[in-house]
Every structure is written in structure tokens, then in C-alpha cells.
PDB file of N, CA and C in Angstrom:
ATOM      1  N   UNK A   1     172.056 230.139  -1.434  1.00  0.00           N
ATOM      2  CA  UNK A   1     171.690 228.788  -1.996  1.00  0.00           C
ATOM      3  C   UNK A   1     172.770 228.551  -2.964  1.00  0.00           C
ATOM      4  N   UNK A   2     173.101 229.364  -4.222  1.00  0.00           N
ATOM      5  CA  UNK A   2     174.174 229.208  -4.797  1.00  0.00           C
ATOM      6  C   UNK A   2     175.585 229.012  -4.071  1.00  0.00           C
ATOM      7  N   UNK A   3     175.824 229.601  -3.126  1.00  0.00           N
ATOM      8  CA  UNK A   3     176.815 229.497  -2.234  1.00  0.00           C
ATOM      9  C   UNK A   3     177.075 228.353  -1.634  1.00  0.00           C
ATOM     10  N   UNK A   4     175.982 227.631  -1.082  1.00  0.00           N
ATOM     11  CA  UNK A   4     176.152 226.387  -0.386  1.00  0.00           C
ATOM     12  C   UNK A   4     176.180 225.332  -1.671  1.00  0.00           C
ATOM     13  N   UNK A   5     175.923 225.453  -2.736  1.00  0.00           N
ATOM     14  CA  UNK A   5     175.943 224.554  -3.696  1.00  0.00           C
ATOM     15  C   UNK A   5     177.566 224.702  -4.216  1.00  0.00           C
ATOM     16  N   UNK A   6     178.256 225.812  -4.593  1.00  0.00           N
ATOM     17  CA  UNK A   6     179.381 225.928  -4.762  1.00  0.00           C
ATOM     18  C   UNK A   6     180.210 225.318  -3.935  1.00  0.00           C
ATOM     19  N   UNK A   7     179.994 225.319  -2.388  1.00  0.00           N
ATOM     20  CA  UNK A   7     180.817 224.979  -1.445  1.00  0.00           C
ATOM     21  C   UNK A   7     180.622 223.374  -1.517  1.00  0.00           C
ATOM     22  N   UNK A   8     179.668 222.802  -1.727  1.00  0.00           N
ATOM     23  CA  UNK A   8     179.389 221.230  -1.711  1.00  0.00           C
ATOM     24  C   UNK A   8     180.183 220.917  -3.016  1.00  0.00           C
ATOM     25  N   UNK A   9     180.317 221.708  -4.200  1.00  0.00           N
ATOM     26  CA  UNK A   9     181.134 221.072  -5.222  1.00  0.00           C
ATOM     27  C   UNK A   9     182.549 221.316  -4.709  1.00  0.00           C
ATOM     28  N   UNK A  10     183.068 222.264  -4.168  1.00  0.00           N
ATOM     29  CA  UNK A  10     184.338 222.588  -3.758  1.00  0.00           C
ATOM     30  C   UNK A  10     184.824 221.456  -2.780  1.00  0.00           C
ATOM     31  N   UNK A  11     184.076 220.962  -2.071  1.00  0.00           N
ATOM     32  CA  UNK A  11     184.213 220.068  -1.073  1.00  0.00           C
ATOM     33  C   UNK A  11     184.699 218.609  -1.802  1.00  0.00           C
ATOM     34  N   UNK A  12     183.918 218.166  -2.848  1.00  0.00           N
ATOM     35  CA  UNK A  12     184.033 216.947  -3.447  1.00  0.00           C
ATOM     36  C   UNK A  12     185.460 217.024  -4.241  1.00  0.00           C
ATOM     37  N   UNK A  13     185.371 218.297  -4.937  1.00  0.00           N
ATOM     38  CA  UNK A  13     186.901 218.666  -5.499  1.00  0.00           C
ATOM     39  C   UNK A  13     188.035 218.339  -4.732  1.00  0.00           C
ATOM     40  N   UNK A  14     187.587 219.012  -3.160  1.00  0.00           N
ATOM     41  CA  UNK A  14     189.152 218.921  -2.588  1.00  0.00           C
ATOM     42  C   UNK A  14     189.545 217.535  -2.030  1.00  0.00           C
ATOM     43  N   UNK A  15     188.490 216.572  -2.023  1.00  0.00           N
ATOM     44  CA  UNK A  15     188.516 214.873  -1.777  1.00  0.00           C
ATOM     45  C   UNK A  15     189.241 214.459  -2.923  1.00  0.00           C
ATOM     46  N   UNK A  16     189.072 214.861  -3.741  1.00  0.00           N
ATOM     47  CA  UNK A  16     189.439 214.049  -5.399  1.00  0.00           C
ATOM     48  C   UNK A  16     190.918 215.015  -5.652  1.00  0.00           C
ATOM     49  N   UNK A  17     190.893 215.889  -5.658  1.00  0.00           N
ATOM     50  CA  UNK A  17     192.395 216.706  -5.824  1.00  0.00           C
ATOM     51  C   UNK A  17     192.628 217.525  -5.037  1.00  0.00           C
ATOM     52  N   UNK A  18     193.985 217.556  -4.486  1.00  0.00           N
ATOM     53  CA  UNK A  18     194.464 218.521  -3.770  1.00  0.00           C
ATOM     54  C   UNK A  18     194.818 219.868  -4.308  1.00  0.00           C
ATOM     55  N   UNK A  19     193.816 220.794  -3.751  1.00  0.00           N
ATOM     56  CA  UNK A  19     193.589 222.011  -4.429  1.00  0.00           C
ATOM     57  C   UNK A  19     194.212 222.862  -3.897  1.00  0.00           C
ATOM     58  N   UNK A  20     195.354 222.787  -2.884  1.00  0.00           N
ATOM     59  CA  UNK A  20     196.165 223.643  -2.427  1.00  0.00           C
ATOM     60  C   UNK A  20     197.110 223.994  -2.924  1.00  0.00           C
ATOM     61  N   UNK A  21     197.704 222.869  -3.842  1.00  0.00           N
ATOM     62  CA  UNK A  21     198.986 223.258  -4.392  1.00  0.00           C
ATOM     63  C   UNK A  21     199.509 224.334  -5.130  1.00  0.00           C
ATOM     64  N   UNK A  22     200.449 225.146  -4.915  1.00  0.00           N
ATOM     65  CA  UNK A  22     200.422 226.332  -5.661  1.00  0.00           C
ATOM     66  C   UNK A  22     201.894 226.354  -6.471  1.00  0.00           C
ATOM     67  N   UNK A  23     202.908 225.619  -5.562  1.00  0.00           N
ATOM     68  CA  UNK A  23     204.112 225.729  -6.162  1.00  0.00           C
ATOM     69  C   UNK A  23     204.842 224.343  -6.107  1.00  0.00           C
ATOM     70  N   UNK A  24     205.926 224.169  -6.494  1.00  0.00           N
ATOM     71  CA  UNK A  24     206.672 222.736  -6.395  1.00  0.00           C
ATOM     72  C   UNK A  24     206.580 222.186  -5.015  1.00  0.00           C
ATOM     73  N   UNK A  25     206.771 222.796  -4.094  1.00  0.00           N
ATOM     74  CA  UNK A  25     207.048 222.480  -2.832  1.00  0.00           C
ATOM     75  C   UNK A  25     205.471 221.977  -2.049  1.00  0.00           C
ATOM     76  N   UNK A  26     204.626 222.597  -2.473  1.00  0.00           N
ATOM     77  CA  UNK A  26     203.377 222.443  -1.891  1.00  0.00           C
ATOM     78  C   UNK A  26     202.977 221.001  -1.685  1.00  0.00           C
ATOM     79  N   UNK A  27     203.093 219.970  -2.578  1.00  0.00           N
ATOM     80  CA  UNK A  27     202.920 218.754  -2.384  1.00  0.00           C
ATOM     81  C   UNK A  27     203.544 218.039  -0.971  1.00  0.00           C
ATOM     82  N   UNK A  28     204.613 218.801  -0.996  1.00  0.00           N
ATOM     83  CA  UNK A  28     205.086 218.099   0.572  1.00  0.00           C
ATOM     84  C   UNK A  28     204.497 218.869   1.861  1.00  0.00           C
ATOM     85  N   UNK A  29     203.701 219.756   1.836  1.00  0.00           N
ATOM     86  CA  UNK A  29     203.150 220.402   2.718  1.00  0.00           C
ATOM     87  C   UNK A  29     201.628 220.026   2.847  1.00  0.00           C
ATOM     88  N   UNK A  30     200.957 219.393   1.831  1.00  0.00           N
ATOM     89  CA  UNK A  30     199.486 218.983   1.756  1.00  0.00           C
ATOM     90  C   UNK A  30     199.293 217.846   1.336  1.00  0.00           C
ATOM     91  N   UNK A  31     198.608 216.979   1.892  1.00  0.00           N
ATOM     92  CA  UNK A  31     198.601 215.477   1.784  1.00  0.00           C
ATOM     93  C   UNK A  31     197.942 215.302   0.074  1.00  0.00           C
ATOM     94  N   UNK A  32     198.395 214.068  -0.312  1.00  0.00           N
ATOM     95  CA  UNK A  32     197.923 213.761  -1.792  1.00  0.00           C
ATOM     96  C   UNK A  32     196.391 213.342  -1.578  1.00  0.00           C
ATOM     97  N   UNK A  33     195.767 213.352  -2.719  1.00  0.00           N
ATOM     98  CA  UNK A  33     194.303 212.813  -2.699  1.00  0.00           C
ATOM     99  C   UNK A  33     194.139 211.981  -3.564  1.00  0.00           C
ATOM    100  N   UNK A  34     193.055 211.209  -3.976  1.00  0.00           N
ATOM    101  CA  UNK A  34     192.911 210.126  -4.597  1.00  0.00           C
ATOM    102  C   UNK A  34     193.353 210.328  -5.882  1.00  0.00           C
ATOM    103  N   UNK A  35     193.192 211.558  -6.901  1.00  0.00           N
ATOM    104  CA  UNK A  35     193.990 211.458  -8.145  1.00  0.00           C
ATOM    105  C   UNK A  35     195.381 211.078  -8.069  1.00  0.00           C
ATOM    106  N   UNK A  36     195.835 211.473  -7.014  1.00  0.00           N
ATOM    107  CA  UNK A  36     197.446 211.321  -7.009  1.00  0.00           C
ATOM    108  C   UNK A  36     197.652 209.745  -6.755  1.00  0.00           C
ATOM    109  N   UNK A  37     196.818 209.352  -5.808  1.00  0.00           N
ATOM    110  CA  UNK A  37     196.879 207.774  -5.443  1.00  0.00           C
ATOM    111  C   UNK A  37     196.744 207.045  -6.574  1.00  0.00           C
ATOM    112  N   UNK A  38     195.705 207.108  -7.433  1.00  0.00           N
ATOM    113  CA  UNK A  38     195.508 206.211  -8.487  1.00  0.00           C
ATOM    114  C   UNK A  38     196.430 206.565  -9.420  1.00  0.00           C
ATOM    115  N   UNK A  39     196.837 207.642  -9.864  1.00  0.00           N
ATOM    116  CA  UNK A  39     198.186 207.970 -10.839  1.00  0.00           C
ATOM    117  C   UNK A  39     199.033 207.407 -10.202  1.00  0.00           C
ATOM    118  N   UNK A  40     199.405 207.181  -9.020  1.00  0.00           N
ATOM    119  CA  UNK A  40     200.576 206.469  -8.455  1.00  0.00           C
ATOM    120  C   UNK A  40     200.402 205.196  -8.941  1.00  0.00           C
ATOM    121  N   UNK A  41     199.179 204.659  -8.696  1.00  0.00           N
ATOM    122  CA  UNK A  41     199.142 202.936  -9.167  1.00  0.00           C
ATOM    123  C   UNK A  41     199.373 202.848 -10.656  1.00  0.00           C
ATOM    124  N   UNK A  42     198.711 203.343 -11.277  1.00  0.00           N
ATOM    125  CA  UNK A  42     198.736 203.586 -12.696  1.00  0.00           C
ATOM    126  C   UNK A  42     200.000 203.384 -13.262  1.00  0.00           C
ATOM    127  N   UNK A  43     201.087 204.205 -12.503  1.00  0.00           N
ATOM    128  CA  UNK A  43     202.356 204.565 -13.099  1.00  0.00           C
ATOM    129  C   UNK A  43     203.021 203.430 -12.609  1.00  0.00           C
ATOM    130  N   UNK A  44     202.983 202.655 -11.493  1.00  0.00           N
ATOM    131  CA  UNK A  44     203.560 201.223 -10.979  1.00  0.00           C
ATOM    132  C   UNK A  44     203.206 200.369 -11.753  1.00  0.00           C
ATOM    133  N   UNK A  45     201.637 200.307 -11.847  1.00  0.00           N
ATOM    134  CA  UNK A  45     201.139 199.034 -13.143  1.00  0.00           C
ATOM    135  C   UNK A  45     201.894 198.981 -14.474  1.00  0.00           C
ATOM    136  N   UNK A  46     202.042 200.162 -14.914  1.00  0.00           N
ATOM    137  CA  UNK A  46     202.344 200.297 -16.182  1.00  0.00           C
ATOM    138  C   UNK A  46     203.684 200.556 -16.448  1.00  0.00           C
ATOM    139  N   UNK A  47     204.531 200.342 -15.532  1.00  0.00           N
ATOM    140  CA  UNK A  47     205.900 200.822 -15.476  1.00  0.00           C
ATOM    141  C   UNK A  47     206.752 199.533 -16.038  1.00  0.00           C
ATOM    142  N   UNK A  48     206.171 198.359 -15.925  1.00  0.00           N
ATOM    143  CA  UNK A  48     207.052 197.010 -16.584  1.00  0.00           C
ATOM    144  C   UNK A  48     206.353 196.097 -17.464  1.00  0.00           C
ATOM    145  N   UNK A  49     206.899 195.126 -17.793  1.00  0.00           N
ATOM    146  CA  UNK A  49     206.523 194.228 -18.745  1.00  0.00           C
ATOM    147  C   UNK A  49     205.911 193.129 -18.059  1.00  0.00           C
ATOM    148  N   UNK A  50     204.989 192.863 -17.203  1.00  0.00           N
ATOM    149  CA  UNK A  50     204.700 192.083 -16.202  1.00  0.00           C
ATOM    150  C   UNK A  50     203.430 192.209 -15.791  1.00  0.00           C
ATOM    151  N   UNK A  51     202.557 191.393 -15.158  1.00  0.00           N
ATOM    152  CA  UNK A  51     201.491 191.266 -14.883  1.00  0.00           C
ATOM    153  C   UNK A  51     201.597 191.909 -13.155  1.00  0.00           C
ATOM    154  N   UNK A  52     200.707 192.765 -12.981  1.00  0.00           N
ATOM    155  CA  UNK A  52     200.365 193.585 -11.971  1.00  0.00           C
ATOM    156  C   UNK A  52     200.572 192.731 -10.552  1.00  0.00           C
ATOM    157  N   UNK A  53     201.350 193.267  -9.429  1.00  0.00           N
ATOM    158  CA  UNK A  53     201.746 192.504  -8.479  1.00  0.00           C
ATOM    159  C   UNK A  53     200.115 192.439  -7.746  1.00  0.00           C
ATOM    160  N   UNK A  54     199.821 191.421  -6.521  1.00  0.00           N
ATOM    161  CA  UNK A  54     198.853 191.245  -5.874  1.00  0.00           C
ATOM    162  C   UNK A  54     198.506 192.716  -5.190  1.00  0.00           C
ATOM    163  N   UNK A  55     199.669 193.083  -4.656  1.00  0.00           N
ATOM    164  CA  UNK A  55     199.370 194.200  -3.898  1.00  0.00           C
ATOM    165  C   UNK A  55     198.756 195.530  -4.725  1.00  0.00           C
ATOM    166  N   UNK A  56     198.835 195.369  -6.187  1.00  0.00           N
ATOM    167  CA  UNK A  56     198.146 196.553  -7.017  1.00  0.00           C
ATOM    168  C   UNK A  56     196.701 196.444  -6.882  1.00  0.00           C
ATOM    169  N   UNK A  57     196.315 195.174  -6.862  1.00  0.00           N
ATOM    170  CA  UNK A  57     195.077 194.871  -6.943  1.00  0.00           C
ATOM    171  C   UNK A  57     194.239 195.171  -5.220  1.00  0.00           C
ATOM    172  N   UNK A  58     195.099 195.041  -4.392  1.00  0.00           N
ATOM    173  CA  UNK A  58     194.949 195.285  -3.195  1.00  0.00           C
ATOM    174  C   UNK A  58     194.701 197.032  -3.076  1.00  0.00           C
ATOM    175  N   UNK A  59     195.670 197.626  -3.442  1.00  0.00           N
ATOM    176  CA  UNK A  59     195.360 199.012  -3.597  1.00  0.00           C
ATOM    177  C   UNK A  59     194.017 199.505  -4.241  1.00  0.00           C
ATOM    178  N   UNK A  60     194.204 198.825  -5.343  1.00  0.00           N
ATOM    179  CA  UNK A  60     192.844 199.047  -6.310  1.00  0.00           C
ATOM    180  C   UNK A  60     191.564 198.904  -5.611  1.00  0.00           C
ATOM    181  N   UNK A  61     191.655 197.916  -4.812  1.00  0.00           N
ATOM    182  CA  UNK A  61     190.399 197.406  -4.160  1.00  0.00           C
ATOM    183  C   UNK A  61     189.928 198.707  -3.034  1.00  0.00           C
ATOM    184  N   UNK A  62     190.917 199.180  -2.707  1.00  0.00           N
ATOM    185  CA  UNK A  62     190.950 200.335  -1.379  1.00  0.00           C
ATOM    186  C   UNK A  62     190.328 201.599  -1.826  1.00  0.00           C
ATOM    187  N   UNK A  63     191.207 201.999  -3.310  1.00  0.00           N
ATOM    188  CA  UNK A  63     190.862 203.189  -3.898  1.00  0.00           C
ATOM    189  C   UNK A  63     189.932 203.290  -4.575  1.00  0.00           C
ATOM    190  N   UNK A  64     189.378 202.179  -5.245  1.00  0.00           N
ATOM    191  CA  UNK A  64     188.115 202.166  -6.320  1.00  0.00           C
ATOM    192  C   UNK A  64     186.888 202.642  -5.391  1.00  0.00           C
ATOM    193  N   UNK A  65     186.635 202.033  -4.295  1.00  0.00           N
ATOM    194  CA  UNK A  65     185.324 202.539  -3.679  1.00  0.00           C
ATOM    195  C   UNK A  65     185.296 203.818  -3.126  1.00  0.00           C
ATOM    196  N   UNK A  66     186.538 204.476  -2.417  1.00  0.00           N
ATOM    197  CA  UNK A  66     186.698 205.552  -2.164  1.00  0.00           C
ATOM    198  C   UNK A  66     186.075 206.641  -3.196  1.00  0.00           C
ATOM    199  N   UNK A  67     186.760 206.046  -4.406  1.00  0.00           N
ATOM    200  CA  UNK A  67     186.424 207.170  -5.770  1.00  0.00           C
ATOM    201  C   UNK A  67     185.103 206.857  -6.238  1.00  0.00           C
ATOM    202  N   UNK A  68     184.510 205.684  -5.967  1.00  0.00           N
ATOM    203  CA  UNK A  68     183.099 205.574  -6.341  1.00  0.00           C
ATOM    204  C   UNK A  68     182.361 206.230  -5.415  1.00  0.00           C
ATOM    205  N   UNK A  69     182.645 206.434  -4.201  1.00  0.00           N
ATOM    206  CA  UNK A  69     181.628 207.010  -3.058  1.00  0.00           C
ATOM    207  C   UNK A  69     181.793 208.793  -3.471  1.00  0.00           C
ATOM    208  N   UNK A  70     182.883 208.999  -3.870  1.00  0.00           N
ATOM    209  CA  UNK A  70     182.988 210.712  -4.231  1.00  0.00           C
ATOM    210  C   UNK A  70     182.371 210.835  -5.502  1.00  0.00           C
ATOM    211  N   UNK A  71     182.154 210.173  -6.418  1.00  0.00           N
ATOM    212  CA  UNK A  71     181.461 210.321  -7.613  1.00  0.00           C
ATOM    213  C   UNK A  71     180.160 210.504  -7.405  1.00  0.00           C
ATOM    214  N   UNK A  72     179.824 209.212  -6.375  1.00  0.00           N
ATOM    215  CA  UNK A  72     178.218 209.391  -5.838  1.00  0.00           C
ATOM    216  C   UNK A  72     177.968 210.509  -5.121  1.00  0.00           C
ATOM    217  N   UNK A  73     178.798 210.998  -4.229  1.00  0.00           N
ATOM    218  CA  UNK A  73     178.348 212.122  -3.533  1.00  0.00           C
ATOM    219  C   UNK A  73     178.392 213.707  -4.796  1.00  0.00           C
ATOM    220  N   UNK A  74     179.453 213.382  -5.573  1.00  0.00           N
ATOM    221  CA  UNK A  74     179.028 214.479  -6.663  1.00  0.00           C
ATOM    222  C   UNK A  74     177.783 214.281  -7.275  1.00  0.00           C
ATOM    223  N   UNK A  75     177.327 213.319  -7.623  1.00  0.00           N
ATOM    224  CA  UNK A  75     175.751 213.007  -8.364  1.00  0.00           C
ATOM    225  C   UNK A  75     174.906 213.852  -7.497  1.00  0.00           C
ATOM    226  N   UNK A  76     174.718 213.462  -6.191  1.00  0.00           N
ATOM    227  CA  UNK A  76     173.812 213.756  -5.240  1.00  0.00           C
ATOM    228  C   UNK A  76     173.881 215.590  -5.389  1.00  0.00           C
ATOM    229  N   UNK A  77     175.066 215.918  -4.990  1.00  0.00           N
ATOM    230  CA  UNK A  77     175.206 217.400  -4.720  1.00  0.00           C
ATOM    231  C   UNK A  77     174.658 218.224  -6.310  1.00  0.00           C
ATOM    232  N   UNK A  78     175.056 217.699  -7.512  1.00  0.00           N
ATOM    233  CA  UNK A  78     174.657 218.252  -8.734  1.00  0.00           C
ATOM    234  C   UNK A  78     173.067 217.783  -8.724  1.00  0.00           C
ATOM    235  N   UNK A  79     172.523 216.876  -8.325  1.00  0.00           N
ATOM    236  CA  UNK A  79     171.370 216.504  -8.789  1.00  0.00           C
ATOM    237  C   UNK A  79     170.087 216.972  -7.615  1.00  0.00           C
ATOM    238  N   UNK A  80     170.628 217.304  -6.561  1.00  0.00           N
ATOM    239  CA  UNK A  80     169.648 217.893  -5.442  1.00  0.00           C
ATOM    240  C   UNK A  80     169.400 218.794  -5.501  1.00  0.00           C
ATOM    241  N   UNK A  81     170.413 219.929  -5.228  1.00  0.00           N
ATOM    242  CA  UNK A  81     170.277 221.589  -5.130  1.00  0.00           C
ATOM    243  C   UNK A  81     170.126 222.118  -6.603  1.00  0.00           C
ATOM    244  N   UNK A  82     170.589 221.578  -7.836  1.00  0.00           N
ATOM    245  CA  UNK A  82     170.949 222.291  -9.013  1.00  0.00           C
ATOM    246  C   UNK A  82     169.675 222.761  -9.578  1.00  0.00           C
ATOM    247  N   UNK A  83     168.673 221.954  -9.687  1.00  0.00           N
ATOM    248  CA  UNK A  83     167.289 222.496 -10.035  1.00  0.00           C
ATOM    249  C   UNK A  83     166.644 223.939  -9.567  1.00  0.00           C
ATOM    250  N   UNK A  84     167.193 223.753  -7.931  1.00  0.00           N
ATOM    251  CA  UNK A  84     166.412 225.045  -7.307  1.00  0.00           C
ATOM    252  C   UNK A  84     167.322 225.972  -7.686  1.00  0.00           C
ATOM    253  N   UNK A  85     168.705 226.190  -7.706  1.00  0.00           N
ATOM    254  CA  UNK A  85     169.544 227.081  -7.868  1.00  0.00           C
ATOM    255  C   UNK A  85     169.433 227.247  -9.448  1.00  0.00           C
ATOM    256  N   UNK A  86     168.744 226.594 -10.422  1.00  0.00           N
ATOM    257  CA  UNK A  86     168.478 227.352 -11.869  1.00  0.00           C
ATOM    258  C   UNK A  86     167.170 228.308 -11.841  1.00  0.00           C
ATOM    259  N   UNK A  87     166.455 227.639 -10.942  1.00  0.00           N
ATOM    260  CA  UNK A  87     164.911 228.370 -10.657  1.00  0.00           C
ATOM    261  C   UNK A  87     165.373 229.849 -10.209  1.00  0.00           C
ATOM    262  N   UNK A  88     166.185 229.968  -9.075  1.00  0.00           N
ATOM    263  CA  UNK A  88     166.521 231.003  -8.711  1.00  0.00           C
ATOM    264  C   UNK A  88     167.484 232.053  -9.656  1.00  0.00           C
ATOM    265  N   UNK A  89     168.152 231.258 -10.587  1.00  0.00           N
ATOM    266  CA  UNK A  89     168.669 231.906 -11.554  1.00  0.00           C
ATOM    267  C   UNK A  89     167.940 232.735 -12.524  1.00  0.00           C
ATOM    268  N   UNK A  90     167.079 231.798 -12.936  1.00  0.00           N
ATOM    269  CA  UNK A  90     165.989 232.483 -13.842  1.00  0.00           C
ATOM    270  C   UNK A  90     165.088 233.658 -13.534  1.00  0.00           C
ATOM    271  N   UNK A  91     164.720 233.204 -12.239  1.00  0.00           N
ATOM    272  CA  UNK A  91     164.030 234.397 -11.556  1.00  0.00           C
ATOM    273  C   UNK A  91     165.046 235.914 -11.663  1.00  0.00           C
ATOM    274  N   UNK A  92     165.805 235.662 -11.469  1.00  0.00           N
ATOM    275  CA  UNK A  92     166.807 236.652 -11.460  1.00  0.00           C
ATOM    276  C   UNK A  92     167.397 237.175 -12.691  1.00  0.00           C
ATOM    277  N   UNK A  93     166.886 236.782 -13.693  1.00  0.00           N
ATOM    278  CA  UNK A  93     167.259 237.168 -14.973  1.00  0.00           C
ATOM    279  C   UNK A  93     168.374 236.710 -15.484  1.00  0.00           C
ATOM    280  N   UNK A  94     169.233 235.476 -14.768  1.00  0.00           N
ATOM    281  CA  UNK A  94     170.703 235.338 -14.833  1.00  0.00           C
ATOM    282  C   UNK A  94     170.413 234.054 -15.822  1.00  0.00           C
ATOM    283  N   UNK A  95     171.488 233.648 -16.918  1.00  0.00           N
ATOM    284  CA  UNK A  95     171.631 232.421 -17.482  1.00  0.00           C
ATOM    285  C   UNK A  95     172.082 230.991 -16.581  1.00  0.00           C
ATOM    286  N   UNK A  96     171.033 230.233 -16.731  1.00  0.00           N
ATOM    287  CA  UNK A  96     170.968 228.811 -15.974  1.00  0.00           C
ATOM    288  C   UNK A  96     172.254 228.209 -16.152  1.00  0.00           C
ATOM    289  N   UNK A  97     172.322 227.353 -15.201  1.00  0.00           N
ATOM    290  CA  UNK A  97     173.370 226.253 -15.323  1.00  0.00           C
ATOM    291  C   UNK A  97     173.088 225.076 -15.997  1.00  0.00           C
ATOM    292  N   UNK A  98     173.850 224.951 -17.073  1.00  0.00           N
ATOM    293  CA  UNK A  98     173.437 223.712 -18.308  1.00  0.00           C
ATOM    294  C   UNK A  98     174.701 222.340 -17.746  1.00  0.00           C
ATOM    295  N   UNK A  99     173.908 221.186 -17.295  1.00  0.00           N
ATOM    296  CA  UNK A  99     175.115 220.368 -17.011  1.00  0.00           C
ATOM    297  C   UNK A  99     175.460 219.742 -18.443  1.00  0.00           C
ATOM    298  N   UNK A 100     176.882 219.245 -18.557  1.00  0.00           N
ATOM    299  CA  UNK A 100     177.190 218.742 -19.904  1.00  0.00           C
ATOM    300  C   UNK A 100     176.597 217.261 -20.133  1.00  0.00           C
ATOM    301  N   UNK A 101     176.594 217.090 -21.064  1.00  0.00           N
ATOM    302  CA  UNK A 101     175.847 215.753 -21.323  1.00  0.00           C
ATOM    303  C   UNK A 101     177.123 214.877 -21.873  1.00  0.00           C
ATOM    304  N   UNK A 102     178.190 215.167 -22.047  1.00  0.00           N
ATOM    305  CA  UNK A 102     179.128 214.299 -22.067  1.00  0.00           C
ATOM    306  C   UNK A 102     179.664 213.666 -20.743  1.00  0.00           C
ATOM    307  N   UNK A 103     179.739 212.402 -21.137  1.00  0.00           N
ATOM    308  CA  UNK A 103     180.582 211.404 -19.744  1.00  0.00           C
ATOM    309  C   UNK A 103     181.669 210.801 -20.350  1.00  0.00           C
ATOM    310  N   UNK A 104     182.253 210.161 -19.577  1.00  0.00           N
ATOM    311  CA  UNK A 104     183.644 209.407 -19.709  1.00  0.00           C
ATOM    312  C   UNK A 104     182.887 207.807 -19.996  1.00  0.00           C
ATOM    313  N   UNK A 105     183.633 206.844 -20.109  1.00  0.00           N
ATOM    314  CA  UNK A 105     183.318 205.447 -20.688  1.00  0.00           C
ATOM    315  C   UNK A 105     182.938 204.924 -19.343  1.00  0.00           C
ATOM    316  N   UNK A 106     182.108 203.896 -19.580  1.00  0.00           N
ATOM    317  CA  UNK A 106     181.368 203.093 -18.063  1.00  0.00           C
ATOM    318  C   UNK A 106     182.724 202.601 -17.639  1.00  0.00           C
ATOM    319  N   UNK A 107     182.892 202.391 -16.300  1.00  0.00           N
ATOM    320  CA  UNK A 107     183.644 201.708 -15.619  1.00  0.00           C
ATOM    321  C   UNK A 107     183.773 199.947 -16.040  1.00  0.00           C
ATOM    322  N   UNK A 108     184.900 199.649 -15.814  1.00  0.00           N
ATOM    323  CA  UNK A 108     184.731 198.153 -15.891  1.00  0.00           C
ATOM    324  C   UNK A 108     185.653 197.783 -14.566  1.00  0.00           C
ATOM    325  N   UNK A 109     185.044 196.378 -14.479  1.00  0.00           N
ATOM    326  CA  UNK A 109     185.625 195.766 -12.908  1.00  0.00           C
ATOM    327  C   UNK A 109     187.060 195.393 -13.575  1.00  0.00           C
ATOM    328  N   UNK A 110     187.984 195.925 -12.315  1.00  0.00           N
ATOM    329  CA  UNK A 110     189.306 195.240 -12.257  1.00  0.00           C
ATOM    330  C   UNK A 110     189.393 193.891 -11.305  1.00  0.00           C
ATOM    331  N   UNK A 111     189.725 192.799 -11.986  1.00  0.00           N
ATOM    332  CA  UNK A 111     189.794 191.555 -11.434  1.00  0.00           C
ATOM    333  C   UNK A 111     191.320 190.999 -11.563  1.00  0.00           C
ATOM    334  N   UNK A 112     191.810 190.494 -10.379  1.00  0.00           N
ATOM    335  CA  UNK A 112     193.178 189.651 -10.321  1.00  0.00           C
ATOM    336  C   UNK A 112     193.308 188.619 -11.633  1.00  0.00           C
TER     337      UNK A 112
END
């Protein structure tokens, strides 16, 4: 059960981050993930003293739901099997996994 839990967490991580990059050449060999796409968008939007172009909002409209979907999937992965894993850890005399209570700021809507 713990292995399945870890694999589920890794699947979400791999959709958000490119986990296979080990060297400077690897970004050419492995596709970028959501964090790189969002970072590229942020870099473009903040690179000038101008209002973001309409295309920036269009890209955000594509990336934001994908990111929200992955974060929702992460929440399901954590809340569903974690209590069962904790029970098994306690039964085995191991320390339980404690979820961090700190969270980032609430998302705010982006509108053109």
C-alpha cells in the first residue's frame, strides 16, 4: 500500500516537474512540464513595461486548469490512501506521516 501511495505521489510530481533532468543537456531530451511552462509565461509577462499580451492570457487559460487539475489529483492522492498508510505504519511501530499544515496563498483569478 505504501508503494502504491508513493507511486501515486510520484505520478503527480512527474506531471508538474520534469523529474528526469540530470544534466544541462536533459531538457533537450525530455519534454518540459507545467512548472516550466508557467515559468516561461511568467518570464514573458514580467519582461517588459507593458500590459501582458492577449496571448499571455490565452496561455494562462490553458495552463491554469491543467495545474488546478493536477493539484486536485494530488489532494485526492493524499486524502484517500494516507489515513490507511498511517494505520499500517502505527501497527508496524513506525512513525506516522504528518501532513504539513502550511499552505501557500489562496489563488486569485487572472482576468485580462
